[in-house]
Amino acid sequence: MGIIAQPPDGPHEANYHQWRMAGKVWILDTETKGTGANVVPLEKIQRRAPAEPERLYVPPKPRPKPAPEPAPREPHRFKVIDLMTREVLAEDVDARTTVHVLAGVRSIVDVNLYVWRPDRRDWRLLPLEDKRALWEFRSRPE
């Protein structure tokens, strides 16, 4: 009896080598998991159900964490200084009180208005347009 090696019949049989012995076709099964190869009859391989490819697990994309709620902003605090006398007319007061103090002032240019900056812990001089916005509220009824 001779052993005749035959090339594989198709791309699915690339891992098999065939021999014809004793009227049977034997195949060298190399699809083992690191334990070497086994010689098995061709019928055994053909009876096997086609191996399904292993399903890959793809984890879902992580959901972005919601941004933390910003801390509630403190109301603005104001300081009003008479420009001519450098007298402090009001300090650390809210906008409503600032508007009441401005009602007693003759002109917008007679006072300097400052706003408290808690992040820098100092007073910032208000620009003229912000000063005007507060000034316009002084004549409105509550």
C-alpha atoms as a PDB file:
ATOM      1  CA  MET A   1       0.000   0.000   0.000  1.00  0.00           C
ATOM      2  CA  GLY A   2       1.310   3.337  -0.944  1.00  0.00           C
ATOM      3  CA  ILE A   3       0.481   6.735   0.437  1.00  0.00           C
ATOM      4  CA  ILE A   4      -0.449   9.288  -2.160  1.00  0.00           C
ATOM      5  CA  ALA A   5      -0.472  12.941  -1.123  1.00  0.00           C
ATOM      6  CA  GLN A   6      -3.060  15.082  -2.855  1.00  0.00           C
ATOM      7  CA  PRO A   7      -3.367  18.859  -2.824  1.00  0.00           C
ATOM      8  CA  PRO A   8      -6.383  20.348  -1.023  1.00  0.00           C
ATOM      9  CA  ASP A   9      -9.596  20.602  -3.062  1.00  0.00           C
ATOM     10  CA  GLY A  10     -10.517  24.177  -2.157  1.00  0.00           C
ATOM     11  CA  PRO A  11      -9.789  27.138   0.071  1.00  0.00           C
ATOM     12  CA  HIS A  12     -11.724  25.632   3.031  1.00  0.00           C
ATOM     13  CA  GLU A  13      -9.395  22.668   3.042  1.00  0.00           C
ATOM     14  CA  ALA A  14      -6.183  24.682   3.204  1.00  0.00           C
ATOM     15  CA  ASN A  15      -5.392  23.340   6.681  1.00  0.00           C
ATOM     16  CA  TYR A  16      -5.693  19.679   5.600  1.00  0.00           C
ATOM     17  CA  HIS A  17      -3.298  17.347   3.838  1.00  0.00           C
ATOM     18  CA  GLN A  18      -4.832  14.286   2.147  1.00  0.00           C
ATOM     19  CA  TRP A  19      -3.600  10.676   1.827  1.00  0.00           C
ATOM     20  CA  ARG A  20      -5.279   7.718   0.208  1.00  0.00           C
ATOM     21  CA  MET A  21      -4.800   4.516   2.276  1.00  0.00           C
ATOM     22  CA  ALA A  22      -6.789   1.258   2.319  1.00  0.00           C
ATOM     23  CA  GLY A  23      -9.484   2.620   0.046  1.00  0.00           C
ATOM     24  CA  LYS A  24     -10.133   5.603   2.318  1.00  0.00           C
ATOM     25  CA  VAL A  25      -8.984   9.139   2.025  1.00  0.00           C
ATOM     26  CA  TRP A  26      -7.265  10.313   5.192  1.00  0.00           C
ATOM     27  CA  ILE A  27      -6.653  13.923   6.067  1.00  0.00           C
ATOM     28  CA  LEU A  28      -4.133  15.562   8.362  1.00  0.00           C
ATOM     29  CA  ASP A  29      -6.314  17.857  10.461  1.00  0.00           C
ATOM     30  CA  THR A  30      -4.212  20.856  11.504  1.00  0.00           C
ATOM     31  CA  GLU A  31      -7.122  22.817  12.978  1.00  0.00           C
ATOM     32  CA  THR A  32      -6.247  21.796  16.488  1.00  0.00           C
ATOM     33  CA  LYS A  33      -5.635  24.245  19.279  1.00  0.00           C
ATOM     34  CA  GLY A  34      -1.917  24.019  19.719  1.00  0.00           C
ATOM     35  CA  THR A  35      -1.759  20.247  20.294  1.00  0.00           C
ATOM     36  CA  GLY A  36      -0.397  19.316  16.909  1.00  0.00           C
ATOM     37  CA  ALA A  37      -2.279  17.619  14.072  1.00  0.00           C
ATOM     38  CA  ASN A  38      -4.397  14.457  13.795  1.00  0.00           C
ATOM     39  CA  VAL A  39      -4.882  12.090  10.873  1.00  0.00           C
ATOM     40  CA  VAL A  40      -8.637  11.535  10.425  1.00  0.00           C
ATOM     41  CA  PRO A  41     -10.812  10.024   7.684  1.00  0.00           C
ATOM     42  CA  LEU A  42     -12.201  12.504   5.162  1.00  0.00           C
ATOM     43  CA  GLU A  43     -15.783  11.386   5.951  1.00  0.00           C
ATOM     44  CA  LYS A  44     -15.399  12.588   9.525  1.00  0.00           C
ATOM     45  CA  ILE A  45     -14.425  16.058   8.382  1.00  0.00           C
ATOM     46  CA  GLN A  46     -17.228  16.176   5.802  1.00  0.00           C
ATOM     47  CA  ARG A  47     -19.832  15.144   8.446  1.00  0.00           C
ATOM     48  CA  ARG A  48     -18.848  18.012  10.704  1.00  0.00           C
ATOM     49  CA  ALA A  49     -21.199  20.950  10.634  1.00  0.00           C
ATOM     50  CA  PRO A  50     -19.533  23.943   9.089  1.00  0.00           C
ATOM     51  CA  ALA A  51     -17.867  25.837  11.862  1.00  0.00           C
ATOM     52  CA  GLU A  52     -19.532  29.170  12.555  1.00  0.00           C
ATOM     53  CA  PRO A  53     -17.121  31.975  13.025  1.00  0.00           C
ATOM     54  CA  GLU A  54     -16.789  32.982  16.639  1.00  0.00           C
ATOM     55  CA  ARG A  55     -18.981  35.976  17.355  1.00  0.00           C
ATOM     56  CA  LEU A  56     -16.992  38.974  18.291  1.00  0.00           C
ATOM     57  CA  TYR A  57     -18.055  40.982  21.306  1.00  0.00           C
ATOM     58  CA  VAL A  58     -17.903  44.660  20.587  1.00  0.00           C
ATOM     59  CA  PRO A  59     -18.507  46.655  23.740  1.00  0.00           C
ATOM     60  CA  PRO A  60     -20.858  49.610  23.346  1.00  0.00           C
ATOM     61  CA  LYS A  61     -19.347  53.038  23.108  1.00  0.00           C
ATOM     62  CA  PRO A  62     -19.144  54.619  26.516  1.00  0.00           C
ATOM     63  CA  ARG A  63     -21.797  57.221  27.150  1.00  0.00           C
ATOM     64  CA  PRO A  64     -20.399  60.620  27.901  1.00  0.00           C
ATOM     65  CA  LYS A  65     -20.822  61.587  31.509  1.00  0.00           C
ATOM     66  CA  PRO A  66     -23.225  64.455  31.939  1.00  0.00           C
ATOM     67  CA  ALA A  67     -21.544  67.703  32.778  1.00  0.00           C
ATOM     68  CA  PRO A  68     -21.951  68.602  36.413  1.00  0.00           C
ATOM     69  CA  GLU A  69     -24.507  71.260  37.128  1.00  0.00           C
ATOM     70  CA  PRO A  70     -22.809  74.619  37.496  1.00  0.00           C
ATOM     71  CA  ALA A  71     -22.923  76.107  40.940  1.00  0.00           C
ATOM     72  CA  PRO A  72     -25.609  78.754  41.273  1.00  0.00           C
ATOM     73  CA  ARG A  73     -24.147  82.130  40.517  1.00  0.00           C
ATOM     74  CA  GLU A  74     -24.156  84.649  43.302  1.00  0.00           C
ATOM     75  CA  PRO A  75     -25.986  87.917  42.601  1.00  0.00           C
ATOM     76  CA  HIS A  76     -23.753  90.812  41.619  1.00  0.00           C
ATOM     77  CA  ARG A  77     -22.605  93.045  44.446  1.00  0.00           C
ATOM     78  CA  PHE A  78     -21.937  96.726  43.763  1.00  0.00           C
ATOM     79  CA  LYS A  79     -20.020  99.633  45.246  1.00  0.00           C
ATOM     80  CA  VAL A  80     -20.979 103.242  44.447  1.00  0.00           C
ATOM     81  CA  ILE A  81     -18.406 106.019  45.019  1.00  0.00           C
ATOM     82  CA  ASP A  82     -19.017 109.760  44.602  1.00  0.00           C
ATOM     83  CA  LEU A  83     -16.446 110.945  42.080  1.00  0.00           C
ATOM     84  CA  MET A  84     -15.955 114.464  43.530  1.00  0.00           C
ATOM     85  CA  THR A  85     -15.708 113.633  47.249  1.00  0.00           C
ATOM     86  CA  ARG A  86     -14.505 109.991  46.931  1.00  0.00           C
ATOM     87  CA  GLU A  87     -17.171 109.172  49.516  1.00  0.00           C
ATOM     88  CA  VAL A  88     -18.501 105.620  49.422  1.00  0.00           C
ATOM     89  CA  LEU A  89     -22.265 105.982  48.880  1.00  0.00           C
ATOM     90  CA  ALA A  90     -22.947 102.230  49.003  1.00  0.00           C
ATOM     91  CA  GLU A  91     -20.770  99.158  49.327  1.00  0.00           C
ATOM     92  CA  ASP A  92     -21.525  95.455  48.907  1.00  0.00           C
ATOM     93  CA  VAL A  93     -25.145  96.081  47.886  1.00  0.00           C
ATOM     94  CA  ASP A  94     -27.384  94.311  45.383  1.00  0.00           C
ATOM     95  CA  ALA A  95     -28.563  95.786  42.068  1.00  0.00           C
ATOM     96  CA  ARG A  96     -31.896  97.043  43.474  1.00  0.00           C
ATOM     97  CA  THR A  97     -30.177  99.014  46.234  1.00  0.00           C
ATOM     98  CA  THR A  98     -27.629 100.341  43.741  1.00  0.00           C
ATOM     99  CA  VAL A  99     -30.447 101.650  41.547  1.00  0.00           C
ATOM    100  CA  HIS A 100     -32.025 103.368  44.606  1.00  0.00           C
ATOM    101  CA  VAL A 101     -28.670 105.028  45.415  1.00  0.00           C
ATOM    102  CA  LEU A 102     -28.328 106.186  41.781  1.00  0.00           C
ATOM    103  CA  ALA A 103     -31.759 107.833  42.006  1.00  0.00           C
ATOM    104  CA  GLY A 104     -30.217 110.405  44.360  1.00  0.00           C
ATOM    105  CA  VAL A 105     -27.297 111.188  42.046  1.00  0.00           C
ATOM    106  CA  ARG A 106     -27.482 114.203  39.691  1.00  0.00           C
ATOM    107  CA  SER A 107     -25.535 112.753  36.726  1.00  0.00           C
ATOM    108  CA  ILE A 108     -24.101 109.408  35.608  1.00  0.00           C
ATOM    109  CA  VAL A 109     -20.612 110.909  35.495  1.00  0.00           C
ATOM    110  CA  ASP A 110     -20.782 111.961  39.179  1.00  0.00           C
ATOM    111  CA  VAL A 111     -20.221 108.408  40.434  1.00  0.00           C
ATOM    112  CA  ASN A 112     -17.997 105.425  39.835  1.00  0.00           C
ATOM    113  CA  LEU A 113     -19.675 102.017  39.937  1.00  0.00           C
ATOM    114  CA  TYR A 114     -17.750  98.899  40.850  1.00  0.00           C
ATOM    115  CA  VAL A 115     -18.819  95.251  40.762  1.00  0.00           C
ATOM    116  CA  TRP A 116     -17.391  92.580  43.075  1.00  0.00           C
ATOM    117  CA  ARG A 117     -15.413  89.824  41.336  1.00  0.00           C
ATOM    118  CA  PRO A 118     -15.497  86.809  43.690  1.00  0.00           C
ATOM    119  CA  ASP A 119     -13.030  84.831  41.555  1.00  0.00           C
ATOM    120  CA  ARG A 120     -10.413  87.605  41.913  1.00  0.00           C
ATOM    121  CA  ARG A 121     -11.678  88.863  45.252  1.00  0.00           C
ATOM    122  CA  ASP A 122     -11.586  92.522  44.191  1.00  0.00           C
ATOM    123  CA  TRP A 123     -13.757  95.328  42.839  1.00  0.00           C
ATOM    124  CA  ARG A 124     -13.848  95.976  39.062  1.00  0.00           C
ATOM    125  CA  LEU A 125     -14.843  99.354  37.649  1.00  0.00           C
ATOM    126  CA  LEU A 126     -17.946  99.026  35.474  1.00  0.00           C
ATOM    127  CA  PRO A 127     -17.626 100.225  31.878  1.00  0.00           C
ATOM    128  CA  LEU A 128     -19.805 103.181  30.853  1.00  0.00           C
ATOM    129  CA  GLU A 129     -22.325 101.064  28.923  1.00  0.00           C
ATOM    130  CA  ASP A 130     -22.952  98.791  31.955  1.00  0.00           C
ATOM    131  CA  LYS A 131     -23.156 101.886  34.139  1.00  0.00           C
ATOM    132  CA  ARG A 132     -25.778 103.319  31.738  1.00  0.00           C
ATOM    133  CA  ALA A 133     -27.833 100.113  31.924  1.00  0.00           C
ATOM    134  CA  LEU A 134     -28.112 100.497  35.704  1.00  0.00           C
ATOM    135  CA  TRP A 135     -28.678 104.251  35.361  1.00  0.00           C
ATOM    136  CA  GLU A 136     -31.714 103.707  33.120  1.00  0.00           C
ATOM    137  CA  PHE A 137     -33.369 101.547  35.776  1.00  0.00           C
ATOM    138  CA  ARG A 138     -33.326 104.385  38.344  1.00  0.00           C
ATOM    139  CA  SER A 139     -36.275 106.196  36.765  1.00  0.00           C
ATOM    140  CA  ARG A 140     -38.446 103.099  36.265  1.00  0.00           C
ATOM    141  CA  PRO A 141     -41.113 102.309  38.836  1.00  0.00           C
ATOM    142  CA  GLU A 142     -40.647  99.041  40.732  1.00  0.00           C
END
